[in-house]
Amino acid sequence: MPASEYPIILWLAAGNLNGLSIEKCPVLKGRDIMIFPDLGASEKWSLKVSELQKKHNYKVTISTLLEDEGTNSDRANGLDIADYIISELKSKKTFPEMQSYFSPALQYKIERNKELLVLISGLDLEEV
């Protein structure tokens, strides 16, 4: 599901459970938020969402898509939504070329993990 197919959706990666903090959340004000927890982390995310809703009164939904559709192997590996998107993009043979306009720090990360470029391209992400 490339982001270009859903232009009104803002995709935001928290990085991990601690990446989405109360201090960072004011930028989400006025948005409908849907969380896609890593497999096996739904309970932890539920606690985090409760904290956010108490503090900021945001409308937050926790998707059960991964828990509903994930295999036992997926669960054992703690897959997340990015893993599924990368898999889908790879199955479509969508391998973007390295682009030189990334910052040196991001370029270094892409060189170490080519799947980052698949995500950047597939979700039409921009470096800010």
C-alpha atoms as a PDB file:
ATOM      1  CA  MET A   1       0.000   0.000   0.000  1.00  0.00           C
ATOM      2  CA  PRO A   2       2.278   2.795  -1.205  1.00  0.00           C
ATOM      3  CA  ALA A   3       1.612   6.185   0.360  1.00  0.00           C
ATOM      4  CA  SER A   4       1.028   7.703  -3.075  1.00  0.00           C
ATOM      5  CA  GLU A   5      -2.184   5.654  -3.203  1.00  0.00           C
ATOM      6  CA  TYR A   6      -3.324   7.367   0.015  1.00  0.00           C
ATOM      7  CA  PRO A   7      -2.226  11.003  -0.277  1.00  0.00           C
ATOM      8  CA  ILE A   8      -4.284  12.210   2.693  1.00  0.00           C
ATOM      9  CA  ILE A   9      -2.487   9.889   5.099  1.00  0.00           C
ATOM     10  CA  LEU A  10       0.582  11.137   6.918  1.00  0.00           C
ATOM     11  CA  TRP A  11       2.845   8.203   7.701  1.00  0.00           C
ATOM     12  CA  LEU A  12       4.913   8.714  10.835  1.00  0.00           C
ATOM     13  CA  ALA A  13       7.355   6.213  12.262  1.00  0.00           C
ATOM     14  CA  ALA A  14       7.889   6.452  16.005  1.00  0.00           C
ATOM     15  CA  GLY A  15      10.992   4.271  15.853  1.00  0.00           C
ATOM     16  CA  ASN A  16       9.918   2.357  18.927  1.00  0.00           C
ATOM     17  CA  LEU A  17       7.493   2.560  21.829  1.00  0.00           C
ATOM     18  CA  ASN A  18       9.544   5.288  23.509  1.00  0.00           C
ATOM     19  CA  GLY A  19       9.829   7.245  20.267  1.00  0.00           C
ATOM     20  CA  LEU A  20       6.300   8.572  20.648  1.00  0.00           C
ATOM     21  CA  SER A  21       6.465  10.737  23.731  1.00  0.00           C
ATOM     22  CA  ILE A  22       4.082  13.216  25.314  1.00  0.00           C
ATOM     23  CA  GLU A  23       6.553  15.986  24.456  1.00  0.00           C
ATOM     24  CA  LYS A  24       6.526  15.118  20.747  1.00  0.00           C
ATOM     25  CA  CYS A  25       2.758  14.753  20.392  1.00  0.00           C
ATOM     26  CA  PRO A  26       1.577  18.376  20.072  1.00  0.00           C
ATOM     27  CA  VAL A  27       2.328  18.181  16.319  1.00  0.00           C
ATOM     28  CA  LEU A  28      -0.400  15.531  16.067  1.00  0.00           C
ATOM     29  CA  LYS A  29      -3.117  17.842  17.409  1.00  0.00           C
ATOM     30  CA  GLY A  30      -6.259  17.786  15.290  1.00  0.00           C
ATOM     31  CA  ARG A  31      -5.343  14.568  13.486  1.00  0.00           C
ATOM     32  CA  ASP A  32      -6.970  11.163  13.647  1.00  0.00           C
ATOM     33  CA  ILE A  33      -4.185   8.844  14.743  1.00  0.00           C
ATOM     34  CA  MET A  34      -3.924   5.140  14.015  1.00  0.00           C
ATOM     35  CA  ILE A  35      -1.164   3.136  15.666  1.00  0.00           C
ATOM     36  CA  PHE A  36       0.122  -0.075  14.057  1.00  0.00           C
ATOM     37  CA  PRO A  37       1.980  -1.791  16.928  1.00  0.00           C
ATOM     38  CA  ASP A  38       4.753  -4.269  16.265  1.00  0.00           C
ATOM     39  CA  LEU A  39       3.547  -7.826  16.666  1.00  0.00           C
ATOM     40  CA  GLY A  40       3.530  -8.687  20.347  1.00  0.00           C
ATOM     41  CA  ALA A  41       3.562  -5.057  21.501  1.00  0.00           C
ATOM     42  CA  SER A  42      -0.177  -4.250  21.451  1.00  0.00           C
ATOM     43  CA  GLU A  43      -0.565  -4.202  25.234  1.00  0.00           C
ATOM     44  CA  LYS A  44       2.380  -1.836  25.674  1.00  0.00           C
ATOM     45  CA  TRP A  45       1.014   0.461  22.971  1.00  0.00           C
ATOM     46  CA  SER A  46      -2.418   0.408  24.614  1.00  0.00           C
ATOM     47  CA  LEU A  47      -0.837   1.795  27.785  1.00  0.00           C
ATOM     48  CA  LYS A  48       1.014   4.448  25.773  1.00  0.00           C
ATOM     49  CA  VAL A  49      -2.191   5.444  23.973  1.00  0.00           C
ATOM     50  CA  SER A  50      -4.068   5.746  27.274  1.00  0.00           C
ATOM     51  CA  GLU A  51      -1.336   8.087  28.497  1.00  0.00           C
ATOM     52  CA  LEU A  52      -1.584  10.212  25.333  1.00  0.00           C
ATOM     53  CA  GLN A  53      -5.352  10.397  25.475  1.00  0.00           C
ATOM     54  CA  LYS A  54      -5.297  11.510  29.123  1.00  0.00           C
ATOM     55  CA  LYS A  55      -2.680  14.183  28.492  1.00  0.00           C
ATOM     56  CA  HIS A  56      -3.771  15.515  25.096  1.00  0.00           C
ATOM     57  CA  ASN A  57      -7.289  14.112  24.548  1.00  0.00           C
ATOM     58  CA  TYR A  58      -6.347  12.839  21.076  1.00  0.00           C
ATOM     59  CA  LYS A  59      -8.491  10.453  19.085  1.00  0.00           C
ATOM     60  CA  VAL A  60      -6.213   7.422  18.785  1.00  0.00           C
ATOM     61  CA  THR A  61      -7.088   4.036  17.340  1.00  0.00           C
ATOM     62  CA  ILE A  62      -4.897   0.981  17.718  1.00  0.00           C
ATOM     63  CA  SER A  63      -5.007  -1.211  14.631  1.00  0.00           C
ATOM     64  CA  THR A  64      -5.278  -4.947  15.190  1.00  0.00           C
ATOM     65  CA  LEU A  65      -4.415  -5.684  11.551  1.00  0.00           C
ATOM     66  CA  LEU A  66      -0.976  -7.154  12.269  1.00  0.00           C
ATOM     67  CA  GLU A  67      -2.189  -9.215  15.237  1.00  0.00           C
ATOM     68  CA  ASP A  68      -5.150 -10.469  13.189  1.00  0.00           C
ATOM     69  CA  GLU A  69      -3.140 -11.339  10.080  1.00  0.00           C
ATOM     70  CA  GLY A  70       0.357 -12.135  11.388  1.00  0.00           C
ATOM     71  CA  THR A  71       1.668 -15.689  11.309  1.00  0.00           C
ATOM     72  CA  ASN A  72       3.381 -17.420  14.215  1.00  0.00           C
ATOM     73  CA  SER A  73       6.681 -16.820  12.447  1.00  0.00           C
ATOM     74  CA  ASP A  74       5.846 -13.108  12.062  1.00  0.00           C
ATOM     75  CA  ARG A  75       5.068 -12.922  15.788  1.00  0.00           C
ATOM     76  CA  ALA A  76       8.291 -14.693  16.749  1.00  0.00           C
ATOM     77  CA  ASN A  77      10.213 -12.116  14.707  1.00  0.00           C
ATOM     78  CA  GLY A  78       8.247  -9.145  16.090  1.00  0.00           C
ATOM     79  CA  LEU A  79       7.454  -7.804  12.630  1.00  0.00           C
ATOM     80  CA  ASP A  80       6.055  -4.312  12.208  1.00  0.00           C
ATOM     81  CA  ILE A  81       4.035  -2.538   9.500  1.00  0.00           C
ATOM     82  CA  ALA A  82       7.244  -1.469   7.720  1.00  0.00           C
ATOM     83  CA  ASP A  83       8.303  -5.108   7.385  1.00  0.00           C
ATOM     84  CA  TYR A  84       5.029  -5.902   5.603  1.00  0.00           C
ATOM     85  CA  ILE A  85       5.266  -2.853   3.344  1.00  0.00           C
ATOM     86  CA  ILE A  86       8.862  -3.714   2.407  1.00  0.00           C
ATOM     87  CA  SER A  87       7.804  -7.288   1.645  1.00  0.00           C
ATOM     88  CA  GLU A  88       4.958  -6.062  -0.577  1.00  0.00           C
ATOM     89  CA  LEU A  89       7.193  -3.616  -2.418  1.00  0.00           C
ATOM     90  CA  LYS A  90       9.834  -6.299  -2.957  1.00  0.00           C
ATOM     91  CA  SER A  91       7.214  -8.692  -4.334  1.00  0.00           C
ATOM     92  CA  LYS A  92       6.327  -6.021  -6.909  1.00  0.00           C
ATOM     93  CA  LYS A  93      10.024  -5.720  -7.776  1.00  0.00           C
ATOM     94  CA  THR A  94      10.020  -2.079  -6.678  1.00  0.00           C
ATOM     95  CA  PHE A  95      13.680  -1.428  -6.033  1.00  0.00           C
ATOM     96  CA  PRO A  96      14.359   2.297  -6.221  1.00  0.00           C
ATOM     97  CA  GLU A  97      17.761   3.581  -7.197  1.00  0.00           C
ATOM     98  CA  MET A  98      19.936   5.320  -4.630  1.00  0.00           C
ATOM     99  CA  GLN A  99      19.355   9.056  -4.776  1.00  0.00           C
ATOM    100  CA  SER A 100      22.130  11.498  -4.004  1.00  0.00           C
ATOM    101  CA  TYR A 101      20.024  14.270  -2.469  1.00  0.00           C
ATOM    102  CA  PHE A 102      19.852  12.666   0.984  1.00  0.00           C
ATOM    103  CA  SER A 103      21.822  14.109   3.862  1.00  0.00           C
ATOM    104  CA  PRO A 104      25.135  12.373   4.554  1.00  0.00           C
ATOM    105  CA  ALA A 105      23.695  10.825   7.754  1.00  0.00           C
ATOM    106  CA  LEU A 106      20.696   9.335   5.934  1.00  0.00           C
ATOM    107  CA  GLN A 107      22.826   8.285   2.969  1.00  0.00           C
ATOM    108  CA  TYR A 108      25.077   6.358   5.380  1.00  0.00           C
ATOM    109  CA  LYS A 109      22.063   4.603   6.931  1.00  0.00           C
ATOM    110  CA  ILE A 110      20.682   3.705   3.489  1.00  0.00           C
ATOM    111  CA  GLU A 111      24.022   2.252   2.426  1.00  0.00           C
ATOM    112  CA  ARG A 112      24.002   0.046   5.532  1.00  0.00           C
ATOM    113  CA  ASN A 113      20.325  -0.940   5.128  1.00  0.00           C
ATOM    114  CA  LYS A 114      19.022  -0.821   1.542  1.00  0.00           C
ATOM    115  CA  GLU A 115      15.473  -1.528   2.741  1.00  0.00           C
ATOM    116  CA  LEU A 116      15.297   2.036   4.039  1.00  0.00           C
ATOM    117  CA  LEU A 117      15.326   3.223   0.442  1.00  0.00           C
ATOM    118  CA  VAL A 118      12.482   0.832  -0.387  1.00  0.00           C
ATOM    119  CA  LEU A 119      10.433   2.433   2.414  1.00  0.00           C
ATOM    120  CA  ILE A 120      11.398   5.979   1.457  1.00  0.00           C
ATOM    121  CA  SER A 121      10.375   5.396  -2.135  1.00  0.00           C
ATOM    122  CA  GLY A 122       7.326   3.215  -1.491  1.00  0.00           C
ATOM    123  CA  LEU A 123       5.835   5.623   1.044  1.00  0.00           C
ATOM    124  CA  ASP A 124       6.923   8.788  -0.807  1.00  0.00           C
ATOM    125  CA  LEU A 125       8.791   9.938   2.296  1.00  0.00           C
ATOM    126  CA  GLU A 126      10.758  13.174   2.378  1.00  0.00           C
ATOM    127  CA  GLU A 127      13.718  13.971   4.549  1.00  0.00           C
ATOM    128  CA  VAL A 128      13.135  16.982   6.774  1.00  0.00           C
END
